[in-house]
Amino acid sequence: MALPYPINATQTDAKSPVDDNLMNSIRLDLDYLDTLFSGGNYNFSFGLDGQLIGAFGFKRAVDVVPLYKDFTPSTCRFGLRKSGVAGQLQIDIRKHNEVKIPITGIDHQFEGATQSVTRIAPALATQSITIATPAISTQSITYAKSAINVQSIILLGNNQVQYNLASAPDDDFSIGDSVIFASCTTPANNGTFTIVEKNKSGGLNIVISNASGVAQVSPAGNMQHTIFSYNFTNPVNAQFVAGEQAVFATHTSANNNGTLTIYKVNEGGNNLWVKKSNGVTQAGVAGTASVGRWVYTYTLPITTPDFTIGERASFVSHTNPLNNGNFIITAINSGGNNLVVQNQFGVAQGGAGGTANTNRWIYSLAIDPSSQFIVGEFAQLESHTTASNNGIFEVKQINRSSLNNLVIFNEAGVTQAGIAGFTRHTKKLIKFASDQSSVFSTLSFIENVGTVSGFYVKNDSVSPFQVLQVNRGGGANYNVVVRVDGAPSQASPAGYVQTEARSIFNSPPTLAVDVTSLEANEWVKGVSTNMIASNLTAGTFLGLYVLQFPSGDPQTLRVTLHS
C-alpha cells in the first residue's frame, strides 16, 4: 500500500516486513528532492515567450498555473529578456475562484431623467483685452548649445549614419530634433538632419538618416544643435512659460520669426530657448518676443470654481474673432478682475465687447443625486436633445444652489430647456438573490458570462471588473458595485459571475525600462516582497496579468514565486 506524500516521520515506524531505516531514508530523500525543486529554486513560474507585442491589449490572464501543494508566497521575482524603451511593465498575480453565481439584474447606481441643461452663470461682459506682459526687445540670437566635434562617421545600413562625437549629447538633444553638421571631410555628410537616435550602445554619438552618407575614419567637422537662445536685457517675465507658445516678430532674418514653442526660460541668462531647424544667429538688436497670454478684464471679480485654472473657458463675440475660442485659464483675478488665458493669436481690444463663459453645465434632475454621486466620479449622459450633451463626464459639483442637479465640464455643451435624456452613473450594481459578501470584497475582480449586454461579458480586450463596494444599500440589497462606462441596465435575470479573483500583492509590482541610449538592454529584472500574507491551498489557480506594457519591443517575460 502506497504511503501518502509528503511522508511524515510518524509514518515511517517499523512495521514488519518494512524496515524503518529504509523508510526514513526514502522520506529524507524525497524531502531533499523537494528542496531542490521548491525552496532551492522557485515554487511556481509564469511566462510569455518571444515578442510581447502580441499580448498588447490582452486584458485577461496571460498565463495560469495550478498549485500542486499548499503555498504561502513571500517573494516574487520577474524580468524581461529584453527591455522596452519607454513606460514601465506592471504585473499582477491573482488567485482564481470559479463561483458561478447567478445575476438577478444590473442597475445603474443612479438614473434620473434630465429636466434641462444650462450653462452656469450669465455670460461675463469683457471690458478690454491686453497682453499679459509687454513685448520685449531681442538683443541677440545665439546657439544655445556649443558645437561638438565629429571624431568619425560610421554607416549603419538602412540609410542610417552614426556620427561619433568628442563629447556626449546631453538631455537637450531629443529624438526628432534637428542638428547641423558642417566641415566634415565629405560634403555629403554636411547639412541639417533629424536625430533618430543618440548615444547608441552607450557611445558618444548621434544617429541620423542620410542616404548619401559616407564613412569617415578621422576627426573632422562639428555638430550644432538648432536650439536658439533669444537673449534679452532683463530676466524674462514669468508669463513666458516653457511648453507654451510665444510670438517672435521683426527680427533681422524672417527665419527667426513665428509663433514658436518655448523650450526653456532664463536658462543660464536672460533668454528664451526655442528649437527651430531653420533659425539663424543674430548679433545686433532687432525684433521682439511677445507672450501668448492675454488678460480679459471684467467689472467684477471672477468666481471660482465656475472658472478654474487649467480648465478652458469659452470666449465669444469679441471685436476681433482671434480673441474668440476655448482657451486654457492660467490665472484668475491677477491684479484685477480678470481671466488670464493662453491665446497665442490674441490681439489688443480697448473697449467693451464679447463675453466669457464657463464650460461647466448644470444637468437638472427630477430626483436628488447627492447620495449616489461624489465629486470626481463620472456621469453617463445619454439620449439628450443635442448629441453634444451626451458622453462620459466628470462630476464637478452636486446640487449647486439648489437640489437635484449635477455640474459637469463639457466644452461642447449646449442649452437644453426641455425634458429629454438620462443622467446615469458609470457605476453599476450587479445584483444577486442572496448575500455573497463571503465571496466578494473590495479586493475582488470579477468576470461574467451570459449577460444580456455584451458590456458585462468577459472579453480578452476588457479588464476584469474591480469590485468597488459590496451590498450597497444594506438590508437585502445583495450586490457588488463595478464601474462600466456606457453600459446599460439589465432588468431581467440573465448570466452569472463566473470567476472571482484577487491579487496576492498589496500593490502590483512594476519594472522600469532599462535602455542605453534608445537601445533596450537585456535581462532586466525586479523583485517584490509586498505580498498579502495568506496561505494558498493546493488546487488554487494563479493567473498572471500584465497591467502595463512598456513601449518598444519588450521580449520574453518570466515571473517566479518563492515561499
Protein backbone atom coordinates (compact mmCIF):
# COMPACT_ATOMS: atom_id res chain seq x y z
CA MET A 1 0.00 0.00 0.00
CA ALA A 2 1.44 3.36 -1.04
CA LEU A 3 2.21 5.98 1.58
CA PRO A 4 0.73 9.45 1.12
CA TYR A 5 3.02 12.29 0.06
CA PRO A 6 4.64 14.02 1.82
CA ILE A 7 5.79 11.18 4.08
CA ASN A 8 5.79 12.25 7.72
CA ALA A 9 8.25 10.93 10.29
CA THR A 10 5.38 9.26 12.18
CA GLN A 11 4.55 7.22 9.10
CA THR A 12 7.94 5.51 8.92
CA ASP A 13 7.69 3.47 12.12
CA ALA A 14 8.82 -0.15 11.84
CA LYS A 15 6.02 -2.31 10.51
CA SER A 16 7.19 -5.76 9.53
CA PRO A 17 8.30 -6.56 6.96
CA VAL A 18 9.12 -2.90 6.09
CA ASP A 19 12.39 -1.69 7.57
CA ASP A 20 12.04 1.65 9.38
CA ASN A 21 15.56 2.77 8.41
CA LEU A 22 14.74 2.26 4.74
CA MET A 23 11.52 4.25 5.07
CA ASN A 24 13.33 7.07 6.84
CA SER A 25 15.88 7.17 4.04
CA ILE A 26 13.10 7.38 1.45
CA ARG A 27 11.37 10.19 3.31
CA LEU A 28 14.56 12.23 3.75
CA ASP A 29 15.48 11.72 0.12
CA LEU A 30 12.07 12.99 -1.03
CA ASP A 31 12.39 15.98 1.31
CA TYR A 32 15.80 16.73 -0.22
CA LEU A 33 14.48 16.49 -3.78
CA ASP A 34 11.59 18.78 -2.84
CA THR A 35 14.03 21.46 -1.62
CA LEU A 36 15.83 21.30 -4.94
CA PHE A 37 12.58 21.86 -6.84
CA SER A 38 10.98 24.39 -4.48
CA GLY A 39 12.99 26.08 -1.79
CA GLY A 40 16.29 25.80 -3.62
CA ASN A 41 14.97 27.37 -6.82
CA TYR A 42 11.38 28.52 -7.07
CA ASN A 43 7.96 27.17 -6.28
CA PHE A 44 5.96 28.32 -9.29
CA SER A 45 6.72 30.13 -12.53
CA PHE A 46 4.80 32.01 -15.23
CA GLY A 47 5.82 33.50 -18.51
CA LEU A 48 5.31 34.77 -22.02
CA ASP A 49 7.82 33.82 -24.70
CA GLY A 50 9.03 35.90 -27.62
CA GLN A 51 7.86 39.39 -28.54
CA LEU A 52 5.26 40.67 -26.08
CA ILE A 53 3.64 42.91 -28.69
CA GLY A 54 1.23 40.08 -29.48
CA ALA A 55 -0.18 40.37 -25.95
CA PHE A 56 -0.71 44.16 -26.07
CA GLY A 57 -4.37 44.84 -25.45
CA PHE A 58 -4.97 41.40 -23.90
CA LYS A 59 -6.67 42.11 -20.57
CA ARG A 60 -7.16 38.64 -19.09
CA ALA A 61 -4.60 36.28 -17.57
CA VAL A 62 -1.73 35.66 -19.99
CA ASP A 63 -0.60 32.51 -18.13
CA VAL A 64 -2.09 30.31 -15.41
CA VAL A 65 -0.61 27.70 -13.06
CA PRO A 66 -2.38 25.34 -10.61
CA LEU A 67 -0.82 24.92 -7.18
CA TYR A 68 0.28 21.34 -6.54
CA LYS A 69 0.61 21.99 -2.79
CA ASP A 70 -0.34 24.47 -0.09
CA PHE A 71 1.82 27.52 -0.54
CA THR A 72 2.44 30.89 1.14
CA PRO A 73 4.33 33.19 -1.25
CA SER A 74 6.83 35.64 0.20
CA THR A 75 8.86 36.78 -2.81
CA CYS A 76 8.11 37.41 -6.47
CA ARG A 77 10.95 37.72 -8.98
CA PHE A 78 10.29 38.88 -12.51
CA GLY A 79 12.17 40.09 -15.56
CA LEU A 80 12.35 40.59 -19.29
CA ARG A 81 14.87 39.10 -21.68
CA LYS A 82 14.72 42.44 -23.50
CA SER A 83 13.51 45.72 -22.02
CA GLY A 84 11.10 48.13 -23.61
CA VAL A 85 12.26 51.70 -24.28
CA ALA A 86 9.64 53.84 -22.51
CA GLY A 87 6.97 53.50 -19.84
CA GLN A 88 7.06 50.54 -17.49
CA LEU A 89 5.99 46.94 -17.03
CA GLN A 90 3.37 46.30 -14.36
CA ILE A 91 2.14 42.82 -13.49
CA ASP A 92 -0.32 41.23 -11.11
CA ILE A 93 -0.88 37.66 -9.94
CA ARG A 94 -4.41 36.80 -8.88
CA LYS A 95 -5.85 33.69 -7.31
CA HIS A 96 -8.90 32.49 -9.22
CA ASN A 97 -12.10 31.11 -7.77
CA GLU A 98 -14.84 29.81 -10.08
CA VAL A 99 -18.03 30.91 -8.29
CA LYS A 100 -20.85 30.65 -10.89
CA ILE A 101 -23.27 32.97 -9.04
CA PRO A 102 -26.46 33.86 -10.99
CA ILE A 103 -27.10 37.55 -11.69
CA THR A 104 -30.67 38.67 -10.98
CA GLY A 105 -30.28 42.11 -12.57
CA ILE A 106 -27.92 45.01 -13.24
CA ASP A 107 -28.85 48.58 -12.31
CA HIS A 108 -27.19 51.94 -12.71
CA GLN A 109 -26.08 53.18 -9.30
CA PHE A 110 -28.08 56.27 -10.23
CA GLU A 111 -30.51 57.03 -13.06
CA GLY A 112 -32.57 60.16 -13.46
CA ALA A 113 -34.37 61.88 -16.32
CA THR A 114 -32.65 65.11 -17.31
CA GLN A 115 -35.02 68.07 -16.90
CA SER A 116 -32.80 70.70 -18.51
CA VAL A 117 -29.20 71.57 -19.32
CA THR A 118 -28.00 75.12 -18.61
CA ARG A 119 -24.62 76.79 -18.61
CA ILE A 120 -23.50 78.10 -15.22
CA ALA A 121 -23.86 81.85 -14.70
CA PRO A 122 -24.68 84.51 -17.27
CA ALA A 123 -22.04 85.47 -19.81
CA LEU A 124 -19.45 87.89 -18.40
CA ALA A 125 -19.03 91.06 -20.49
CA THR A 126 -15.41 91.62 -21.48
CA GLN A 127 -14.30 95.22 -20.88
CA SER A 128 -10.89 95.02 -22.54
CA ILE A 129 -8.17 92.64 -23.65
CA THR A 130 -4.49 93.32 -23.09
CA ILE A 131 -1.35 91.29 -23.45
CA ALA A 132 -0.19 89.78 -20.14
CA THR A 133 3.21 91.45 -20.36
CA PRO A 134 4.65 93.92 -22.89
CA ALA A 135 6.72 92.70 -25.82
CA ILE A 136 10.43 92.50 -25.04
CA SER A 137 13.20 93.53 -27.41
CA THR A 138 15.63 90.90 -28.58
CA GLN A 139 19.28 91.88 -28.07
CA SER A 140 20.81 88.96 -29.94
CA ILE A 141 20.16 85.39 -31.05
CA THR A 142 22.78 82.72 -30.45
CA TYR A 143 23.05 78.98 -30.50
CA ALA A 144 22.06 77.74 -27.06
CA LYS A 145 24.49 74.81 -27.16
CA SER A 146 28.17 74.70 -28.05
CA ALA A 147 29.17 72.80 -31.17
CA ILE A 148 30.57 69.28 -30.66
CA ASN A 149 33.45 67.99 -32.81
CA VAL A 150 32.97 64.93 -35.02
CA GLN A 151 35.54 62.15 -34.41
CA SER A 152 34.42 59.67 -37.07
CA ILE A 153 31.39 58.57 -39.08
CA ILE A 154 30.02 55.03 -39.41
CA LEU A 155 27.41 53.72 -41.86
CA LEU A 156 24.88 51.51 -40.03
CA GLY A 157 22.81 50.41 -43.01
CA ASN A 158 19.23 51.30 -43.98
CA ASN A 159 20.46 54.86 -44.69
CA GLN A 160 21.34 55.41 -41.02
CA VAL A 161 24.60 57.22 -40.27
CA GLN A 162 26.29 57.35 -36.87
CA TYR A 163 28.42 60.42 -36.10
CA ASN A 164 30.84 59.65 -33.27
CA LEU A 165 31.48 62.78 -31.22
CA ALA A 166 34.08 64.24 -28.88
CA SER A 167 31.51 64.51 -26.05
CA ALA A 168 28.07 63.14 -25.28
CA PRO A 169 24.93 64.93 -26.48
CA ASP A 170 23.05 65.86 -23.29
CA ASP A 171 19.34 65.79 -22.38
CA ASP A 172 18.61 68.82 -24.58
CA PHE A 173 19.17 66.60 -27.61
CA SER A 174 15.95 64.69 -28.29
CA ILE A 175 14.77 62.32 -30.99
CA GLY A 176 13.18 64.42 -33.72
CA ASP A 177 15.34 67.50 -33.09
CA SER A 178 17.37 68.98 -35.93
CA VAL A 179 21.17 69.18 -35.88
CA ILE A 180 23.59 70.78 -38.34
CA PHE A 181 26.79 69.00 -39.44
CA ALA A 182 29.47 71.13 -41.05
CA SER A 183 33.12 70.86 -42.17
CA CYS A 184 33.06 67.05 -42.39
CA THR A 185 35.58 65.51 -44.81
CA THR A 186 32.92 64.59 -47.37
CA PRO A 187 30.33 67.30 -48.23
CA ALA A 188 27.59 64.66 -48.38
CA ASN A 189 27.90 64.30 -44.59
CA ASN A 190 27.17 68.00 -44.06
CA GLY A 191 23.71 69.50 -43.73
CA THR A 192 20.71 69.70 -41.42
CA PHE A 193 19.38 66.31 -40.29
CA THR A 194 16.83 64.93 -37.83
CA ILE A 195 18.07 62.91 -34.84
CA VAL A 196 16.80 59.32 -34.92
CA GLU A 197 18.95 58.04 -32.01
CA LYS A 198 21.59 59.35 -29.65
CA ASN A 199 24.38 57.78 -27.57
CA LYS A 200 23.72 54.45 -29.28
CA SER A 201 25.05 51.44 -27.34
CA GLY A 202 26.38 53.77 -24.67
CA GLY A 203 28.70 55.65 -27.03
CA LEU A 204 29.09 59.38 -27.65
CA ASN A 205 27.16 59.75 -30.87
CA ILE A 206 24.20 60.93 -32.87
CA VAL A 207 22.42 58.78 -35.47
CA ILE A 208 20.66 60.44 -38.41
CA SER A 209 19.16 59.27 -41.70
CA ASN A 210 21.16 60.20 -44.80
CA ALA A 211 21.11 58.03 -47.91
CA SER A 212 24.20 59.87 -49.20
CA GLY A 213 26.28 59.42 -46.04
CA VAL A 214 29.95 58.45 -46.36
CA ALA A 215 32.14 56.73 -43.77
CA GLN A 216 34.87 58.87 -42.16
CA VAL A 217 37.69 57.43 -40.03
CA SER A 218 39.48 60.59 -38.83
CA PRO A 219 38.30 63.61 -36.79
CA ALA A 220 36.81 66.38 -38.91
CA GLY A 221 33.76 68.60 -38.71
CA ASN A 222 31.33 69.54 -35.99
CA MET A 223 27.69 69.20 -34.93
CA GLN A 224 25.48 72.10 -33.90
CA HIS A 225 22.06 71.71 -32.24
CA THR A 226 19.35 74.04 -33.61
CA ILE A 227 18.23 75.26 -30.19
CA PHE A 228 18.40 79.05 -30.36
CA SER A 229 18.69 81.42 -27.42
CA TYR A 230 16.82 84.71 -27.85
CA ASN A 231 18.69 86.97 -25.43
CA PHE A 232 17.23 89.96 -23.58
CA THR A 233 18.39 92.77 -21.28
CA ASN A 234 16.49 91.59 -18.19
CA PRO A 235 15.21 88.25 -16.92
CA VAL A 236 12.19 87.14 -18.91
CA ASN A 237 8.81 87.67 -17.22
CA ALA A 238 7.17 84.67 -15.54
CA GLN A 239 4.29 84.91 -18.03
CA PHE A 240 6.65 83.27 -20.56
CA VAL A 241 6.28 79.58 -19.70
CA ALA A 242 8.12 76.57 -21.14
CA GLY A 243 5.76 74.45 -23.22
CA GLU A 244 3.57 77.41 -24.19
CA GLN A 245 3.97 79.45 -27.35
CA ALA A 246 5.34 82.95 -27.82
CA VAL A 247 5.22 85.21 -30.87
CA PHE A 248 8.58 86.33 -32.35
CA ALA A 249 8.48 89.17 -34.89
CA THR A 250 10.51 91.74 -36.91
CA HIS A 251 13.88 90.07 -36.46
CA THR A 252 16.70 90.62 -38.93
CA SER A 253 16.00 87.28 -40.57
CA ALA A 254 12.43 86.16 -41.17
CA ASN A 255 13.61 82.66 -40.23
CA ASN A 256 13.65 83.78 -36.60
CA ASN A 257 10.02 84.94 -36.62
CA GLY A 258 6.85 82.99 -35.95
CA THR A 259 4.70 81.51 -33.23
CA LEU A 260 7.15 79.17 -31.55
CA THR A 261 7.02 76.80 -28.57
CA ILE A 262 9.20 77.91 -25.66
CA TYR A 263 11.67 75.18 -24.70
CA LYS A 264 13.39 76.83 -21.70
CA VAL A 265 13.18 80.19 -19.89
CA ASN A 266 16.10 82.15 -18.37
CA GLU A 267 18.47 79.22 -18.84
CA GLY A 268 21.83 80.48 -17.58
CA GLY A 269 20.92 84.06 -18.51
CA ASN A 270 18.09 86.34 -19.64
CA ASN A 271 16.68 84.35 -22.52
CA LEU A 272 14.09 82.19 -24.20
CA TRP A 273 15.21 78.94 -25.79
CA VAL A 274 13.35 77.60 -28.81
CA LYS A 275 14.01 74.73 -31.20
CA LYS A 276 13.95 75.94 -34.81
CA SER A 277 15.53 73.94 -37.61
CA ASN A 278 15.96 76.94 -39.95
CA GLY A 279 16.86 79.58 -37.35
CA VAL A 280 19.93 81.80 -37.73
CA THR A 281 22.16 83.68 -35.32
CA GLN A 282 21.77 87.45 -34.97
CA ALA A 283 24.40 89.71 -33.43
CA GLY A 284 22.52 93.03 -33.31
CA VAL A 285 19.40 94.34 -31.59
CA ALA A 286 16.28 93.66 -33.67
CA GLY A 287 12.86 92.11 -33.18
CA THR A 288 10.58 91.33 -30.28
CA ALA A 289 9.13 88.42 -28.34
CA SER A 290 5.52 88.59 -27.15
CA VAL A 291 3.90 86.31 -24.62
CA GLY A 292 1.00 84.13 -25.74
CA ARG A 293 -1.09 85.02 -22.67
CA TRP A 294 -3.84 87.64 -22.70
CA VAL A 295 -5.74 89.35 -19.88
CA TYR A 296 -9.53 89.58 -20.36
CA THR A 297 -10.81 92.21 -17.93
CA TYR A 298 -14.30 92.39 -16.28
CA THR A 299 -16.21 94.72 -13.98
CA LEU A 300 -16.47 92.27 -11.08
CA PRO A 301 -14.13 89.61 -9.63
CA ILE A 302 -14.28 86.23 -11.37
CA THR A 303 -15.83 83.50 -9.23
CA THR A 304 -14.40 80.04 -8.74
CA PRO A 305 -14.89 77.16 -9.27
CA ASP A 306 -17.10 78.31 -12.17
CA PHE A 307 -13.85 79.39 -13.79
CA THR A 308 -10.93 77.17 -12.78
CA ILE A 309 -7.22 77.41 -13.58
CA GLY A 310 -6.32 74.64 -16.00
CA GLU A 311 -9.84 74.37 -17.46
CA ARG A 312 -10.88 76.02 -20.71
CA ALA A 313 -13.33 78.91 -20.84
CA SER A 314 -15.36 79.89 -23.89
CA PHE A 315 -14.86 83.38 -25.34
CA VAL A 316 -17.33 84.62 -27.99
CA SER A 317 -18.45 87.73 -29.91
CA HIS A 318 -15.32 89.80 -29.35
CA THR A 319 -14.38 92.66 -31.64
CA ASN A 320 -11.66 90.58 -33.28
CA PRO A 321 -12.50 86.90 -33.92
CA LEU A 322 -8.94 85.95 -32.97
CA ASN A 323 -9.95 86.64 -29.36
CA ASN A 324 -12.70 84.02 -29.55
CA GLY A 325 -12.35 80.32 -28.74
CA ASN A 326 -11.91 77.82 -25.92
CA PHE A 327 -8.74 78.90 -24.11
CA ILE A 328 -6.92 77.44 -21.10
CA ILE A 329 -7.12 79.64 -17.99
CA THR A 330 -3.68 80.30 -16.46
CA ALA A 331 -4.64 82.84 -13.77
CA ILE A 332 -7.78 84.35 -12.21
CA ASN A 333 -8.14 87.86 -10.76
CA SER A 334 -4.43 88.53 -11.21
CA GLY A 335 -4.01 92.15 -10.15
CA GLY A 336 -7.64 92.94 -11.01
CA ASN A 337 -10.93 91.45 -12.16
CA ASN A 338 -9.74 89.25 -14.98
CA LEU A 339 -9.03 85.94 -16.63
CA VAL A 340 -5.54 85.27 -17.98
CA VAL A 341 -5.64 82.74 -20.81
CA GLN A 342 -3.37 81.11 -23.38
CA ASN A 343 -4.15 82.54 -26.83
CA GLN A 344 -1.06 82.98 -28.97
CA PHE A 345 -3.16 84.68 -31.67
CA GLY A 346 -4.79 87.24 -29.36
CA VAL A 347 -4.99 90.95 -30.19
CA ALA A 348 -5.49 94.02 -28.01
CA GLN A 349 -9.03 95.34 -27.51
CA GLY A 350 -9.50 98.66 -25.74
CA GLY A 351 -13.30 98.80 -25.42
CA ALA A 352 -16.06 96.54 -24.15
CA GLY A 353 -17.13 93.75 -26.46
CA GLY A 354 -17.66 89.99 -26.27
CA THR A 355 -18.28 87.62 -23.40
CA ALA A 356 -16.58 84.91 -21.37
CA ASN A 357 -18.47 81.76 -20.46
CA THR A 358 -17.66 78.83 -18.22
CA ASN A 359 -17.77 75.36 -19.77
CA ARG A 360 -19.49 73.96 -16.68
CA TRP A 361 -23.10 72.89 -17.19
CA ILE A 362 -25.93 72.15 -14.76
CA TYR A 363 -27.90 69.00 -15.54
CA SER A 364 -31.15 69.45 -13.61
CA LEU A 365 -32.83 66.24 -12.48
CA ALA A 366 -36.16 65.12 -11.08
CA ILE A 367 -34.52 63.40 -8.10
CA ASP A 368 -31.67 64.13 -5.72
CA PRO A 369 -28.32 62.54 -6.82
CA SER A 370 -26.33 63.51 -3.73
CA SER A 371 -26.50 60.09 -2.06
CA GLN A 372 -25.26 58.32 -5.20
CA PHE A 373 -22.54 60.61 -6.60
CA ILE A 374 -19.45 62.17 -5.14
CA VAL A 375 -17.37 64.87 -6.80
CA GLY A 376 -14.77 63.32 -9.10
CA GLU A 377 -16.94 60.38 -10.15
CA PHE A 378 -18.32 60.17 -13.68
CA ALA A 379 -21.78 60.68 -15.13
CA GLN A 380 -23.02 58.75 -18.16
CA LEU A 381 -25.17 61.19 -20.15
CA GLU A 382 -27.38 59.74 -22.85
CA SER A 383 -30.25 60.49 -25.28
CA HIS A 384 -30.30 64.27 -24.88
CA THR A 385 -31.82 66.57 -27.48
CA THR A 386 -28.38 67.53 -28.75
CA ALA A 387 -25.67 64.89 -29.03
CA SER A 388 -23.11 67.39 -27.72
CA ASN A 389 -24.66 66.99 -24.26
CA ASN A 390 -24.04 63.22 -24.29
CA GLY A 391 -20.90 61.46 -23.12
CA ILE A 392 -18.93 60.43 -20.05
CA PHE A 393 -18.06 63.49 -17.96
CA GLU A 394 -16.51 64.11 -14.54
CA VAL A 395 -18.84 65.45 -11.87
CA LYS A 396 -17.56 68.83 -10.63
CA GLN A 397 -20.33 69.78 -8.17
CA ILE A 398 -23.53 68.27 -6.77
CA ASN A 399 -26.75 70.20 -6.02
CA ARG A 400 -25.35 73.59 -6.90
CA SER A 401 -27.50 76.43 -5.49
CA SER A 402 -30.50 74.09 -5.27
CA LEU A 403 -31.43 70.42 -5.09
CA ASN A 404 -31.44 67.80 -7.82
CA ASN A 405 -28.58 68.62 -10.15
CA LEU A 406 -25.10 67.70 -11.24
CA VAL A 407 -22.46 70.08 -12.59
CA ILE A 408 -20.19 68.70 -15.30
CA PHE A 409 -17.46 70.20 -17.51
CA ASN A 410 -18.23 69.92 -21.23
CA GLU A 411 -16.59 72.20 -23.80
CA ALA A 412 -19.16 71.19 -26.44
CA GLY A 413 -22.28 71.59 -24.25
CA VAL A 414 -25.41 73.43 -25.40
CA THR A 415 -28.51 74.71 -23.61
CA GLN A 416 -31.49 72.34 -23.40
CA ALA A 417 -34.73 73.74 -21.98
CA GLY A 418 -36.98 70.70 -22.15
CA ILE A 419 -37.06 67.28 -20.51
CA ALA A 420 -35.01 64.84 -22.57
CA GLY A 421 -32.27 62.30 -21.95
CA PHE A 422 -30.90 60.47 -18.95
CA THR A 423 -28.21 61.16 -16.39
CA ARG A 424 -26.75 57.90 -15.17
CA HIS A 425 -23.83 56.77 -13.06
CA THR A 426 -20.94 54.88 -14.67
CA LYS A 427 -21.02 52.61 -11.59
CA LYS A 428 -23.32 49.58 -11.87
CA LEU A 429 -24.91 47.31 -9.27
CA ILE A 430 -24.68 43.64 -10.21
CA LYS A 431 -27.43 42.03 -8.13
CA PHE A 432 -27.84 38.57 -6.58
CA ALA A 433 -30.68 36.61 -4.95
CA SER A 434 -28.73 36.08 -1.72
CA ASP A 435 -25.87 37.58 0.25
CA GLN A 436 -22.48 36.96 -1.40
CA SER A 437 -20.36 39.07 0.94
CA SER A 438 -18.44 35.96 1.98
CA VAL A 439 -17.34 35.53 -1.65
CA PHE A 440 -16.67 39.13 -2.75
CA SER A 441 -14.76 42.02 -1.21
CA THR A 442 -13.23 45.24 -2.49
CA LEU A 443 -10.13 43.15 -3.28
CA SER A 444 -12.13 41.13 -5.81
CA PHE A 445 -12.04 41.23 -9.60
CA ILE A 446 -14.92 39.53 -11.42
CA GLU A 447 -15.71 38.17 -14.88
CA ASN A 448 -19.24 37.50 -16.12
CA VAL A 449 -20.79 35.33 -18.82
CA GLY A 450 -24.23 35.14 -20.41
CA THR A 451 -25.42 38.68 -19.61
CA VAL A 452 -27.94 40.43 -21.86
CA SER A 453 -25.49 43.26 -22.58
CA GLY A 454 -22.10 42.46 -24.01
CA PHE A 455 -20.59 45.28 -21.94
CA TYR A 456 -20.52 42.95 -18.94
CA VAL A 457 -19.31 39.74 -20.63
CA LYS A 458 -15.71 38.67 -20.07
CA ASN A 459 -13.56 39.54 -23.05
CA ASP A 460 -9.90 39.36 -23.92
CA SER A 461 -9.87 43.12 -24.60
CA VAL A 462 -11.76 44.11 -21.42
CA SER A 463 -10.15 44.01 -17.99
CA PRO A 464 -11.91 42.07 -15.23
CA PHE A 465 -14.12 44.43 -13.24
CA GLN A 466 -12.82 45.52 -9.86
CA VAL A 467 -15.41 45.32 -7.08
CA LEU A 468 -15.78 48.80 -5.59
CA GLN A 469 -18.43 48.03 -2.97
CA VAL A 470 -20.38 45.04 -1.66
CA ASN A 471 -24.10 45.11 -0.76
CA ARG A 472 -24.60 48.80 -1.45
CA GLY A 473 -27.82 49.99 0.16
CA GLY A 474 -27.71 47.49 3.02
CA GLY A 475 -30.50 45.16 4.09
CA ALA A 476 -31.45 42.71 1.37
CA ASN A 477 -29.64 44.71 -1.33
CA TYR A 478 -27.30 41.89 -2.32
CA ASN A 479 -24.91 43.19 -4.95
CA VAL A 480 -21.43 44.21 -5.99
CA VAL A 481 -20.63 47.63 -7.50
CA VAL A 482 -18.38 47.92 -10.55
CA ARG A 483 -17.59 50.73 -13.00
CA VAL A 484 -18.57 50.07 -16.62
CA ASP A 485 -18.64 53.19 -18.80
CA GLY A 486 -21.51 53.44 -21.27
CA ALA A 487 -23.15 50.19 -20.23
CA PRO A 488 -26.96 49.80 -19.96
CA SER A 489 -29.04 48.41 -17.10
CA GLN A 490 -30.32 44.84 -17.28
CA ALA A 491 -33.66 44.23 -15.63
CA SER A 492 -34.20 40.55 -16.44
CA PRO A 493 -32.19 37.85 -14.65
CA ALA A 494 -29.53 36.60 -17.04
CA GLY A 495 -25.97 35.45 -16.86
CA TYR A 496 -23.76 34.85 -13.88
CA VAL A 497 -20.49 35.84 -12.27
CA GLN A 498 -18.22 33.06 -13.42
CA THR A 499 -14.90 33.96 -11.79
CA GLU A 500 -13.80 35.88 -8.73
CA ALA A 501 -10.10 36.70 -8.46
CA ARG A 502 -7.97 38.74 -6.12
CA SER A 503 -4.35 39.82 -6.12
CA ILE A 504 -1.70 38.16 -3.98
CA PHE A 505 0.08 41.57 -3.74
CA ASN A 506 -0.67 44.60 -1.61
CA SER A 507 0.18 46.59 -4.75
CA PRO A 508 1.11 45.24 -8.19
CA PRO A 509 4.88 45.22 -8.82
CA THR A 510 6.47 47.31 -11.58
CA LEU A 511 9.65 47.15 -13.62
CA ALA A 512 11.20 50.29 -15.11
CA VAL A 513 12.59 50.16 -18.63
CA ASP A 514 16.35 49.82 -18.98
CA VAL A 515 17.97 51.44 -22.02
CA THR A 516 21.35 52.60 -23.16
CA SER A 517 20.60 55.48 -25.48
CA LEU A 518 17.44 54.21 -27.18
CA GLU A 519 18.72 50.64 -27.26
CA ALA A 520 16.81 48.30 -24.97
CA ASN A 521 19.05 46.36 -22.62
CA GLU A 522 18.65 42.66 -21.87
CA TRP A 523 17.99 40.57 -18.78
CA VAL A 524 16.30 43.33 -16.81
CA LYS A 525 14.83 42.18 -13.54
CA GLY A 526 12.86 43.16 -10.46
CA VAL A 527 11.68 41.71 -7.16
CA SER A 528 8.71 42.30 -4.87
CA THR A 529 8.07 41.13 -1.33
CA ASN A 530 4.95 43.27 -0.90
CA MET A 531 2.67 40.23 -0.68
CA ILE A 532 -0.63 39.71 1.10
CA ALA A 533 0.26 37.20 3.83
CA SER A 534 -2.06 34.25 3.26
CA ASN A 535 -1.83 30.55 2.57
CA LEU A 536 -2.88 29.42 -0.89
CA THR A 537 -4.31 25.92 -0.84
CA ALA A 538 -3.38 23.13 -3.22
CA GLY A 539 -5.51 23.19 -6.35
CA THR A 540 -5.77 27.00 -6.46
CA PHE A 541 -5.25 28.52 -9.90
CA LEU A 542 -3.00 31.58 -10.10
CA GLY A 543 -3.28 33.86 -13.11
CA LEU A 544 -0.59 36.25 -14.38
CA TYR A 545 -1.90 39.62 -15.64
CA VAL A 546 0.09 42.29 -17.45
CA LEU A 547 -1.44 45.62 -16.44
CA GLN A 548 1.04 47.87 -18.29
CA PHE A 549 3.33 47.11 -21.20
CA PRO A 550 6.40 49.23 -21.96
CA SER A 551 6.66 50.58 -25.49
CA GLY A 552 9.26 49.36 -27.93
CA ASP A 553 9.83 45.65 -28.38
CA PRO A 554 9.91 44.00 -24.92
CA GLN A 555 10.53 40.28 -25.12
CA THR A 556 10.08 37.13 -23.01
CA LEU A 557 8.53 37.82 -19.61
CA ARG A 558 9.37 35.48 -16.73
CA VAL A 559 7.80 35.56 -13.27
CA THR A 560 8.59 33.22 -10.36
CA LEU A 561 7.06 32.86 -6.90
CA HIS A 562 9.07 31.76 -3.88
CA SER A 563 7.97 30.72 -0.42
